C-alpha atoms as a PDB file:
ATOM      1  CA  MET A   1      18.660  -0.178  -0.964  1.00  0.00           C
ATOM      2  CA  ASP A   2      21.675   0.833  -3.032  1.00  0.00           C
ATOM      3  CA  PRO A   3      24.907   0.016  -1.122  1.00  0.00           C
ATOM      4  CA  ALA A   4      26.297   3.416  -2.236  1.00  0.00           C
ATOM      5  CA  GLU A   5      23.404   5.293  -0.561  1.00  0.00           C
ATOM      6  CA  PRO A   6      23.866   6.264   3.080  1.00  0.00           C
ATOM      7  CA  GLU A   7      21.514   4.528   5.506  1.00  0.00           C
ATOM      8  CA  SER A   8      18.663   6.729   6.720  1.00  0.00           C
ATOM      9  CA  PRO A   9      17.897   6.990  10.452  1.00  0.00           C
ATOM     10  CA  ALA A  10      14.615   5.128   9.863  1.00  0.00           C
ATOM     11  CA  ASP A  11      16.428   2.306   8.050  1.00  0.00           C
ATOM     12  CA  ALA A  12      18.938   2.063  10.890  1.00  0.00           C
ATOM     13  CA  LEU A  13      16.120   1.925  13.457  1.00  0.00           C
ATOM     14  CA  PHE A  14      14.283  -0.814  11.573  1.00  0.00           C
ATOM     15  CA  LYS A  15      17.499  -2.791  11.030  1.00  0.00           C
ATOM     16  CA  ALA A  16      18.307  -2.634  14.756  1.00  0.00           C
ATOM     17  CA  ALA A  17      14.749  -3.706  15.629  1.00  0.00           C
ATOM     18  CA  ALA A  18      14.969  -6.647  13.222  1.00  0.00           C
ATOM     19  CA  GLN A  19      18.297  -7.755  14.715  1.00  0.00           C
ATOM     20  CA  GLN A  20      16.891  -7.571  18.246  1.00  0.00           C
ATOM     21  CA  ALA A  21      13.781  -9.502  17.212  1.00  0.00           C
ATOM     22  CA  ALA A  22      15.932 -12.166  15.535  1.00  0.00           C
ATOM     23  CA  ALA A  23      17.887 -12.507  18.797  1.00  0.00           C
ATOM     24  CA  GLY A  24      14.633 -13.060  20.693  1.00  0.00           C
ATOM     25  CA  GLN A  25      14.706  -9.634  22.344  1.00  0.00           C
ATOM     26  CA  LYS A  26      11.856  -7.126  22.298  1.00  0.00           C
ATOM     27  CA  PRO A  27      13.158  -4.028  20.483  1.00  0.00           C
ATOM     28  CA  HIS A  28      13.011  -1.102  22.925  1.00  0.00           C
ATOM     29  CA  HIS A  29      11.992   1.437  20.246  1.00  0.00           C
ATOM     30  CA  LEU A  30       9.363  -0.826  18.716  1.00  0.00           C
ATOM     31  CA  GLU A  31       6.462   0.602  20.734  1.00  0.00           C
ATOM     32  CA  THR A  32       7.278   4.106  19.482  1.00  0.00           C
ATOM     33  CA  VAL A  33       7.506   2.943  15.876  1.00  0.00           C
ATOM     34  CA  LEU A  34       4.223   1.025  16.112  1.00  0.00           C
ATOM     35  CA  GLN A  35       2.397   4.248  17.052  1.00  0.00           C
ATOM     36  CA  ILE A  36       3.432   6.125  13.882  1.00  0.00           C
ATOM     37  CA  PRO A  37       0.356   6.755  11.706  1.00  0.00           C
ATOM     38  CA  VAL A  38       0.536   5.791   8.034  1.00  0.00           C
ATOM     39  CA  SER A  39      -1.795   6.401   5.106  1.00  0.00           C
ATOM     40  CA  VAL A  40      -3.220   3.184   3.637  1.00  0.00           C
ATOM     41  CA  LYS A  41      -4.964   3.255   0.250  1.00  0.00           C
ATOM     42  CA  VAL A  42      -6.361   0.527  -1.964  1.00  0.00           C
ATOM     43  CA  VAL A  43      -5.980   1.302  -5.653  1.00  0.00           C
ATOM     44  CA  LEU A  44      -8.583  -0.343  -7.880  1.00  0.00           C
ATOM     45  CA  GLY A  45      -7.057   1.108 -11.031  1.00  0.00           C
ATOM     46  CA  SER A  46      -6.310   4.358 -12.797  1.00  0.00           C
ATOM     47  CA  ALA A  47      -7.203   6.224 -15.953  1.00  0.00           C
ATOM     48  CA  THR A  48      -5.634   8.918 -18.085  1.00  0.00           C
ATOM     49  CA  MET A  49      -7.835  11.379 -19.945  1.00  0.00           C
ATOM     50  CA  PRO A  50      -7.697  14.905 -21.294  1.00  0.00           C
ATOM     51  CA  VAL A  51      -8.915  17.754 -19.094  1.00  0.00           C
ATOM     52  CA  ALA A  52     -11.793  18.340 -21.542  1.00  0.00           C
ATOM     53  CA  ASN A  53     -13.115  14.828 -20.796  1.00  0.00           C
ATOM     54  CA  VAL A  54     -12.705  15.325 -17.038  1.00  0.00           C
ATOM     55  CA  LEU A  55     -14.787  18.514 -17.268  1.00  0.00           C
ATOM     56  CA  LYS A  56     -17.579  16.537 -18.990  1.00  0.00           C
ATOM     57  CA  LEU A  57     -17.829  14.042 -16.109  1.00  0.00           C
ATOM     58  CA  GLY A  58     -21.025  14.151 -14.135  1.00  0.00           C
ATOM     59  CA  ARG A  59     -23.304  11.977 -12.061  1.00  0.00           C
ATOM     60  CA  GLY A  60     -23.638   8.556 -13.640  1.00  0.00           C
ATOM     61  CA  ALA A  61     -20.513   8.905 -15.785  1.00  0.00           C
ATOM     62  CA  VAL A  62     -18.354   5.809 -16.049  1.00  0.00           C
ATOM     63  CA  VAL A  63     -14.566   6.131 -16.014  1.00  0.00           C
ATOM     64  CA  PRO A  64     -12.913   3.024 -17.482  1.00  0.00           C
ATOM     65  CA  LEU A  65      -9.901   1.903 -15.442  1.00  0.00           C
ATOM     66  CA  ASP A  66      -6.715   0.193 -16.574  1.00  0.00           C
ATOM     67  CA  ARG A  67      -7.558  -3.034 -14.687  1.00  0.00           C
ATOM     68  CA  LYS A  68      -9.926  -5.858 -15.490  1.00  0.00           C
ATOM     69  CA  VAL A  69     -12.457  -7.488 -13.178  1.00  0.00           C
ATOM     70  CA  GLY A  70     -10.690 -10.102 -11.076  1.00  0.00           C
ATOM     71  CA  GLU A  71      -7.231  -8.524 -11.289  1.00  0.00           C
ATOM     72  CA  PRO A  72      -5.612  -7.827  -7.914  1.00  0.00           C
ATOM     73  CA  VAL A  73      -5.812  -4.362  -6.377  1.00  0.00           C
ATOM     74  CA  ASP A  74      -2.753  -2.579  -4.970  1.00  0.00           C
ATOM     75  CA  VAL A  75      -2.427  -1.857  -1.251  1.00  0.00           C
ATOM     76  CA  VAL A  76      -0.411   1.351  -0.923  1.00  0.00           C
ATOM     77  CA  VAL A  77       1.129   2.603   2.337  1.00  0.00           C
ATOM     78  CA  ASN A  78       2.563   6.125   2.331  1.00  0.00           C
ATOM     79  CA  GLY A  79       2.828   6.087  -1.458  1.00  0.00           C
ATOM     80  CA  ARG A  80       4.453   2.643  -1.792  1.00  0.00           C
ATOM     81  CA  VAL A  81       2.822  -0.569  -2.991  1.00  0.00           C
ATOM     82  CA  ILE A  82       3.300  -3.056  -0.152  1.00  0.00           C
ATOM     83  CA  ALA A  83       0.822  -5.764  -1.163  1.00  0.00           C
ATOM     84  CA  ARG A  84      -1.778  -6.903  -3.659  1.00  0.00           C
ATOM     85  CA  GLY A  85      -5.095  -8.510  -2.969  1.00  0.00           C
ATOM     86  CA  GLU A  86      -8.682  -9.129  -3.931  1.00  0.00           C
ATOM     87  CA  VAL A  87     -11.754  -7.178  -2.904  1.00  0.00           C
ATOM     88  CA  VAL A  88     -14.009  -9.077  -0.471  1.00  0.00           C
ATOM     89  CA  VAL A  89     -17.372  -8.339   1.166  1.00  0.00           C
ATOM     90  CA  LEU A  90     -17.084  -7.939   4.970  1.00  0.00           C
ATOM     91  CA  ASP A  91     -20.690  -7.826   6.189  1.00  0.00           C
ATOM     92  CA  GLU A  92     -23.693 -10.025   5.501  1.00  0.00           C
ATOM     93  CA  ASP A  93     -25.650  -6.990   4.281  1.00  0.00           C
ATOM     94  CA  ASN A  94     -22.992  -6.207   1.648  1.00  0.00           C
ATOM     95  CA  SER A  95     -22.527  -2.680   3.008  1.00  0.00           C
ATOM     96  CA  ARG A  96     -18.765  -2.883   3.583  1.00  0.00           C
ATOM     97  CA  PHE A  97     -15.852  -4.366   1.734  1.00  0.00           C
ATOM     98  CA  GLY A  98     -12.169  -4.943   2.354  1.00  0.00           C
ATOM     99  CA  VAL A  99      -9.097  -6.480   0.754  1.00  0.00           C
ATOM    100  CA  SER A 100      -7.855 -10.014   1.256  1.00  0.00           C
ATOM    101  CA  LEU A 101      -4.079  -9.937   0.707  1.00  0.00           C
ATOM    102  CA  THR A 102      -2.838 -12.425  -1.862  1.00  0.00           C
ATOM    103  CA  GLU A 103       0.724 -11.131  -2.263  1.00  0.00           C
ATOM    104  CA  VAL A 104       3.011  -9.138   0.016  1.00  0.00           C
ATOM    105  CA  ILE A 105       5.669  -7.219  -1.894  1.00  0.00           C
ATOM    106  CA  GLY A 106       9.243  -7.735  -0.700  1.00  0.00           C
ATOM    107  CA  THR A 107      11.130  -4.963   1.030  1.00  0.00           C
ATOM    108  CA  GLY A 108      13.761  -4.777  -1.722  1.00  0.00           C
ATOM    109  CA  THR A 109      12.355  -2.181  -4.112  1.00  0.00           C
ATOM    110  CA  PRO A 110       8.686  -1.342  -3.499  1.00  0.00           C
ATOM    111  CA  THR A 111       6.876   0.405  -6.332  1.00  0.00           C
ATOM    112  CA  ARG A 112       6.259   4.115  -5.749  1.00  0.00           C
ATOM    113  CA  VAL A 113       2.749   5.336  -6.552  1.00  0.00           C
ATOM    114  CA  VAL A 114       2.283   9.011  -7.309  1.00  0.00           C
END
């Protein structure tokens, strides 16, 4: 956060909660904050193409992404990259997958994803 920017109410709430937690106290507003829903997305990659090519897409079309096999995927919460990880299979029948986090991005300046 830029020292010249005023602190938002959310930043103040999180800072107070962190100070209380560091002092061994349970933050009194923490339960309220923990109930706030957030949008979590896992980004495998992206592509840029002209509208004409998008209109030609159909079943079976392959869209090449900007990432290679084995590169970490981004974990995005409310539009901000908060971690990176690798795709893993969750079930024995290979019907579900998840992300094993390999890197958690610091709180300094998270990357904004549009």
